[in-house]
């Protein structure tokens, strides 16, 4: 197995904010737990927003937090340069080559034009990250709550949305058949039978699709074990939101080739972590994993549902702990 290498790549466009520190901490803890290397690379290609002295500030802030890179512009390493601006010649060479093919082109979209697709995400009620994963990155795996939201907003067929088979929208075949003339009655009944059979097949495909996207309990437990070991090794404490993001990220990496909506998993983990915090209870990784699996299966992004689920989980934890 090759050595684990993780990268934190901040842009020197200002001071290092808390979100950046959190991301760096995830990378650092994971690398140290796996006996790997933590690499710092400076993304200084945004010359329009570049701030003089920001790079030095970022490095000092990480050092103050006890996050020391194994490789960086200062520490060096075998895979430098560690500033993106110093690698521009490499990228220019490959950019010129790929532009000669049909796999890339120079775009002239304005910021307003690039923001347009997200209006759909806002109307449907999807987070930008989920929308980007589906329509920009081409992720095939959709949580059933995401499918429900899109169907409710657009009237789309859930089976088609999940599997890509069948019609994008449901057609009331029976109503259409009743409107047929007597001369076409036999053909209408035949068409109805075919469509009913097709719908049954689509429902079967949909169930298989949803079942294939359930969580892997052993990998989720492994992700929790990794977090607990990393925190124990470093002697650090992590809040509920940070724990949920860390575990979801590790789980997604363990799933390897399967794309998934980590925001849904993060929300489920956070629900359980907050419940444990409010009830002042502890659960083993195995017990916690079983509870999260249940929450994930019943997940809905609606606020009223989440409030009711949180209350139920609190009562459940108090009764069994």
Protein backbone atom coordinates (compact mmCIF):
# COMPACT_ATOMS: atom_id res chain seq x y z
CA UNK A 1 0.00 0.00 0.00
CA UNK A 2 1.40 3.42 -0.97
CA UNK A 3 2.11 6.01 1.71
CA UNK A 4 -0.76 8.36 2.57
CA UNK A 5 -0.25 11.94 1.36
CA UNK A 6 -2.76 14.69 2.15
CA UNK A 7 -2.65 18.27 0.92
CA UNK A 8 -3.84 21.59 2.32
CA UNK A 9 -3.80 24.30 -0.35
CA UNK A 10 -4.84 27.76 0.92
CA UNK A 11 -4.95 30.88 -1.26
CA UNK A 12 -2.92 33.87 0.00
CA UNK A 13 -5.86 36.25 -0.47
CA UNK A 14 -6.04 37.21 3.20
CA UNK A 15 -5.64 35.82 6.74
CA UNK A 16 -6.21 32.12 7.40
CA UNK A 17 -9.81 31.84 8.65
CA UNK A 18 -11.21 29.27 11.06
CA UNK A 19 -12.67 27.14 8.27
CA UNK A 20 -9.23 26.79 6.75
CA UNK A 21 -7.73 25.79 10.10
CA UNK A 22 -10.44 23.15 10.47
CA UNK A 23 -9.68 21.67 7.04
CA UNK A 24 -5.94 21.68 7.74
CA UNK A 25 -6.57 19.93 11.07
CA UNK A 26 -8.59 17.16 9.37
CA UNK A 27 -5.76 16.58 6.89
CA UNK A 28 -3.06 16.71 9.56
CA UNK A 29 -4.83 14.32 11.96
CA UNK A 30 -5.61 11.84 9.19
CA UNK A 31 -2.03 11.91 7.88
CA UNK A 32 -0.50 11.38 11.31
CA UNK A 33 -2.94 8.59 12.15
CA UNK A 34 -2.03 6.77 8.92
CA UNK A 35 1.71 7.40 9.20
CA UNK A 36 1.59 9.67 6.15
CA UNK A 37 2.70 13.16 5.12
CA UNK A 38 0.90 16.48 5.44
CA UNK A 39 1.70 18.72 2.46
CA UNK A 40 1.20 22.51 2.33
CA UNK A 41 0.82 23.97 -1.16
CA UNK A 42 0.15 27.66 -1.75
CA UNK A 43 -2.53 28.41 -4.36
CA UNK A 44 -1.22 31.82 -5.42
CA UNK A 45 -2.63 31.90 -8.97
CA UNK A 46 -5.47 34.33 -8.13
CA UNK A 47 -3.35 37.41 -8.78
CA UNK A 48 -6.37 39.74 -8.71
CA UNK A 49 -7.02 39.02 -5.02
CA UNK A 50 -3.43 38.29 -3.90
CA UNK A 51 -2.53 39.95 -0.57
CA UNK A 52 1.10 40.71 0.19
CA UNK A 53 2.27 38.93 3.35
CA UNK A 54 -0.71 36.54 3.48
CA UNK A 55 1.44 33.49 2.70
CA UNK A 56 3.74 34.17 5.65
CA UNK A 57 0.74 34.78 7.90
CA UNK A 58 -0.84 31.44 6.89
CA UNK A 59 2.35 29.52 7.66
CA UNK A 60 2.75 31.21 11.06
CA UNK A 61 -0.92 30.56 11.91
CA UNK A 62 -0.58 26.84 11.14
CA UNK A 63 2.62 26.65 13.18
CA UNK A 64 0.87 28.39 16.10
CA UNK A 65 -1.86 25.73 15.90
CA UNK A 66 0.76 22.97 16.06
CA UNK A 67 0.12 21.92 12.45
CA UNK A 68 3.61 21.50 11.00
CA UNK A 69 3.80 20.47 7.31
CA UNK A 70 6.11 17.67 6.22
CA UNK A 71 6.46 19.39 2.84
CA UNK A 72 5.91 23.07 2.00
CA UNK A 73 7.52 26.08 0.29
CA UNK A 74 9.68 26.45 3.43
CA UNK A 75 10.31 22.79 4.32
CA UNK A 76 10.83 21.65 0.72
CA UNK A 77 10.28 18.07 -0.43
CA UNK A 78 10.56 15.73 -3.41
CA UNK A 79 7.45 17.02 -5.21
CA UNK A 80 8.05 20.77 -5.43
CA UNK A 81 7.63 23.52 -6.29
CA UNK A 82 5.00 24.05 -3.58
CA UNK A 83 3.71 27.37 -4.92
CA UNK A 84 1.29 27.04 -7.82
CA UNK A 85 2.67 30.15 -9.53
CA UNK A 86 6.04 28.39 -9.79
CA UNK A 87 4.39 25.47 -11.61
CA UNK A 88 2.72 27.60 -14.27
CA UNK A 89 5.07 26.46 -17.04
CA UNK A 90 4.05 22.84 -16.37
CA UNK A 91 0.34 23.67 -16.54
CA UNK A 92 0.69 25.90 -19.60
CA UNK A 93 2.34 23.05 -21.47
CA UNK A 94 -0.48 20.57 -20.76
CA UNK A 95 -3.18 23.21 -21.26
CA UNK A 96 -1.88 23.86 -24.77
CA UNK A 97 -1.93 20.13 -25.50
CA UNK A 98 -5.44 19.48 -24.22
CA UNK A 99 -6.85 22.52 -26.07
CA UNK A 100 -5.87 20.77 -29.30
CA UNK A 101 -8.36 18.00 -28.46
CA UNK A 102 -12.14 18.02 -27.97
CA UNK A 103 -11.83 17.64 -24.19
CA UNK A 104 -11.35 21.31 -23.26
CA UNK A 105 -12.11 24.79 -24.54
CA UNK A 106 -11.55 28.40 -23.47
CA UNK A 107 -14.71 29.73 -21.79
CA UNK A 108 -15.83 33.36 -21.73
CA UNK A 109 -18.71 33.02 -19.25
CA UNK A 110 -19.39 36.01 -17.00
CA UNK A 111 -19.79 35.55 -13.20
CA UNK A 112 -23.54 36.20 -13.62
CA UNK A 113 -23.86 33.45 -16.22
CA UNK A 114 -21.97 30.98 -14.05
CA UNK A 115 -24.28 31.67 -11.11
CA UNK A 116 -27.52 31.03 -13.06
CA UNK A 117 -27.70 27.22 -12.56
CA UNK A 118 -27.77 27.65 -8.77
CA UNK A 119 -31.16 29.38 -8.96
CA UNK A 120 -32.61 25.91 -9.61
CA UNK A 121 -30.82 24.53 -6.54
CA UNK A 122 -32.29 27.34 -4.45
CA UNK A 123 -35.81 26.72 -5.79
CA UNK A 124 -35.60 23.00 -5.10
CA UNK A 125 -33.98 23.50 -1.70
CA UNK A 126 -30.69 21.72 -2.44
CA UNK A 127 -27.36 22.85 -0.95
CA UNK A 128 -24.92 24.18 -3.55
CA UNK A 129 -22.53 21.32 -2.74
CA UNK A 130 -25.16 18.72 -3.55
CA UNK A 131 -26.15 20.51 -6.76
CA UNK A 132 -22.52 20.77 -7.87
CA UNK A 133 -21.95 17.08 -7.16
CA UNK A 134 -24.93 16.08 -9.31
CA UNK A 135 -24.87 18.43 -12.29
CA UNK A 136 -21.27 19.63 -12.41
CA UNK A 137 -19.29 16.59 -11.22
CA UNK A 138 -21.79 14.07 -12.62
CA UNK A 139 -22.35 12.13 -9.40
CA UNK A 140 -24.76 9.26 -10.05
CA UNK A 141 -25.62 8.39 -6.46
CA UNK A 142 -28.58 10.39 -5.09
CA UNK A 143 -29.96 10.10 -1.58
CA UNK A 144 -33.71 9.44 -1.56
CA UNK A 145 -34.33 12.78 0.21
CA UNK A 146 -32.63 14.57 -2.72
CA UNK A 147 -34.76 12.64 -5.21
CA UNK A 148 -37.92 13.54 -3.23
CA UNK A 149 -37.08 17.26 -3.24
CA UNK A 150 -36.45 17.37 -6.98
CA UNK A 151 -39.61 15.39 -7.73
CA UNK A 152 -41.75 17.62 -5.51
CA UNK A 153 -40.40 20.77 -7.16
CA UNK A 154 -40.48 19.60 -10.77
CA UNK A 155 -42.94 16.71 -10.95
CA UNK A 156 -40.21 14.47 -12.35
CA UNK A 157 -40.48 10.69 -12.24
CA UNK A 158 -38.50 9.32 -9.26
CA UNK A 159 -37.61 6.14 -11.12
CA UNK A 160 -36.23 8.02 -14.10
CA UNK A 161 -34.30 10.42 -11.85
CA UNK A 162 -32.66 7.59 -9.90
CA UNK A 163 -31.97 5.16 -12.75
CA UNK A 164 -32.07 7.15 -15.99
CA UNK A 165 -34.60 4.71 -17.45
CA UNK A 166 -38.19 5.35 -18.51
CA UNK A 167 -39.97 8.68 -18.94
CA UNK A 168 -38.82 11.89 -17.20
CA UNK A 169 -42.43 12.59 -16.16
CA UNK A 170 -45.30 10.29 -15.21
CA UNK A 171 -48.04 9.97 -17.85
CA UNK A 172 -51.58 9.03 -16.85
CA UNK A 173 -51.87 6.23 -19.37
CA UNK A 174 -55.26 5.10 -18.08
CA UNK A 175 -56.82 8.52 -18.66
CA UNK A 176 -55.35 8.70 -22.15
CA UNK A 177 -56.66 5.21 -22.90
CA UNK A 178 -60.20 6.12 -21.81
CA UNK A 179 -60.17 8.96 -24.30
CA UNK A 180 -59.34 6.65 -27.19
CA UNK A 181 -62.04 5.76 -29.66
CA UNK A 182 -63.67 2.33 -29.63
CA UNK A 183 -61.71 1.45 -32.78
CA UNK A 184 -58.44 1.97 -30.90
CA UNK A 185 -59.56 0.30 -27.67
CA UNK A 186 -57.52 -2.88 -28.12
CA UNK A 187 -54.39 -0.89 -28.96
CA UNK A 188 -55.02 1.34 -25.94
CA UNK A 189 -55.31 -1.58 -23.53
CA UNK A 190 -52.16 -3.09 -25.00
CA UNK A 191 -50.27 0.18 -24.53
CA UNK A 192 -51.58 0.45 -20.98
CA UNK A 193 -50.34 -3.05 -20.14
CA UNK A 194 -46.90 -2.28 -21.53
CA UNK A 195 -46.68 0.96 -19.56
CA UNK A 196 -47.83 -0.66 -16.33
CA UNK A 197 -45.19 -3.35 -16.77
CA UNK A 198 -42.58 -0.70 -17.56
CA UNK A 199 -43.53 1.25 -14.44
CA UNK A 200 -43.20 -1.89 -12.30
CA UNK A 201 -39.73 -2.49 -13.76
CA UNK A 202 -38.79 1.12 -13.06
CA UNK A 203 -39.93 0.79 -9.45
CA UNK A 204 -37.78 -2.33 -9.08
CA UNK A 205 -34.80 -0.44 -10.58
CA UNK A 206 -35.45 2.46 -8.22
CA UNK A 207 -35.47 0.20 -5.16
CA UNK A 208 -32.25 -1.47 -6.30
CA UNK A 209 -30.70 1.96 -6.87
CA UNK A 210 -31.67 3.20 -3.41
CA UNK A 211 -30.59 -0.01 -1.70
CA UNK A 212 -27.19 0.17 -3.39
CA UNK A 213 -26.62 3.59 -1.81
CA UNK A 214 -27.14 2.53 1.80
CA UNK A 215 -24.24 3.05 4.15
CA UNK A 216 -21.54 0.44 4.75
CA UNK A 217 -21.63 -0.04 8.53
CA UNK A 218 -18.12 -1.51 8.74
CA UNK A 219 -16.58 1.45 6.86
CA UNK A 220 -18.54 3.97 8.91
CA UNK A 221 -17.37 2.32 12.13
CA UNK A 222 -13.83 2.37 10.76
CA UNK A 223 -14.17 6.11 10.11
CA UNK A 224 -15.24 6.67 13.75
CA UNK A 225 -12.36 4.50 14.97
CA UNK A 226 -9.95 6.60 12.88
CA UNK A 227 -11.29 9.80 14.44
CA UNK A 228 -11.08 8.46 18.01
CA UNK A 229 -7.54 7.17 17.47
CA UNK A 230 -6.42 10.45 15.88
CA UNK A 231 -7.85 12.55 18.73
CA UNK A 232 -6.34 10.20 21.33
CA UNK A 233 -2.92 10.32 19.64
CA UNK A 234 -2.88 14.12 19.38
CA UNK A 235 -4.66 14.82 22.66
CA UNK A 236 -7.07 17.17 20.90
CA UNK A 237 -10.81 17.77 21.26
CA UNK A 238 -13.18 18.28 18.32
CA UNK A 239 -16.68 19.77 18.41
CA UNK A 240 -19.73 17.93 17.02
CA UNK A 241 -19.78 19.69 13.64
CA UNK A 242 -16.08 19.07 13.15
CA UNK A 243 -16.45 15.41 14.13
CA UNK A 244 -19.29 14.92 11.65
CA UNK A 245 -17.33 16.48 8.79
CA UNK A 246 -14.21 14.47 9.61
CA UNK A 247 -16.04 11.12 9.79
CA UNK A 248 -18.04 11.82 6.60
CA UNK A 249 -14.85 12.77 4.74
CA UNK A 250 -12.97 9.66 5.90
CA UNK A 251 -15.97 7.44 5.07
CA UNK A 252 -16.21 8.91 1.55
CA UNK A 253 -12.50 8.26 0.99
CA UNK A 254 -12.88 4.66 2.18
CA UNK A 255 -15.73 4.13 -0.31
CA UNK A 256 -13.12 4.71 -3.05
CA UNK A 257 -14.87 4.69 -6.43
CA UNK A 258 -18.46 5.29 -5.28
CA UNK A 259 -19.62 8.92 -5.38
CA UNK A 260 -21.91 10.00 -2.55
CA UNK A 261 -23.57 13.03 -1.03
CA UNK A 262 -21.41 13.65 2.04
CA UNK A 263 -23.61 16.57 3.16
CA UNK A 264 -26.47 14.18 3.94
CA UNK A 265 -24.15 11.88 5.88
CA UNK A 266 -22.65 14.86 7.75
CA UNK A 267 -26.13 16.01 8.73
CA UNK A 268 -27.03 12.55 10.06
CA UNK A 269 -23.79 12.21 12.04
CA UNK A 270 -24.20 15.74 13.43
CA UNK A 271 -27.75 14.91 14.58
CA UNK A 272 -26.47 11.95 16.60
CA UNK A 273 -23.37 13.77 17.89
CA UNK A 274 -25.46 16.73 19.10
CA UNK A 275 -27.90 14.35 20.78
CA UNK A 276 -25.06 12.62 22.64
CA UNK A 277 -23.68 16.00 23.65
CA UNK A 278 -27.00 17.32 24.94
CA UNK A 279 -27.74 14.12 26.89
CA UNK A 280 -24.12 13.84 28.12
CA UNK A 281 -23.95 10.22 27.01
CA UNK A 282 -21.22 8.16 25.35
CA UNK A 283 -21.68 5.53 22.67
CA UNK A 284 -19.14 3.09 21.29
CA UNK A 285 -18.31 3.47 17.57
CA UNK A 286 -20.37 0.31 16.90
CA UNK A 287 -23.50 1.54 18.70
CA UNK A 288 -23.16 5.02 17.22
CA UNK A 289 -22.79 3.55 13.74
CA UNK A 290 -26.01 1.52 14.13
CA UNK A 291 -27.93 4.64 15.20
CA UNK A 292 -26.56 6.73 12.33
CA UNK A 293 -27.54 4.00 9.85
CA UNK A 294 -31.12 4.30 11.10
CA UNK A 295 -31.10 8.10 10.87
CA UNK A 296 -29.64 7.94 7.35
CA UNK A 297 -32.35 5.53 6.15
CA UNK A 298 -35.08 7.83 7.50
CA UNK A 299 -33.37 11.08 6.54
CA UNK A 300 -35.32 14.08 5.30
CA UNK A 301 -33.92 17.60 5.03
CA UNK A 302 -37.13 19.21 6.28
CA UNK A 303 -36.65 21.32 9.44
CA UNK A 304 -39.76 19.92 11.16
CA UNK A 305 -38.56 16.36 10.53
CA UNK A 306 -35.07 17.08 11.88
CA UNK A 307 -36.53 18.62 15.03
CA UNK A 308 -38.75 15.60 15.65
CA UNK A 309 -35.94 13.16 14.86
CA UNK A 310 -33.57 14.95 17.27
CA UNK A 311 -36.16 14.77 20.05
CA UNK A 312 -36.75 11.06 19.40
CA UNK A 313 -33.02 10.29 19.38
CA UNK A 314 -32.52 12.17 22.66
CA UNK A 315 -35.23 10.09 24.31
CA UNK A 316 -33.83 6.88 22.82
CA UNK A 317 -30.28 7.60 24.02
CA UNK A 318 -31.50 8.43 27.54
CA UNK A 319 -33.48 5.19 27.72
CA UNK A 320 -30.71 2.83 26.56
CA UNK A 321 -27.54 4.49 27.90
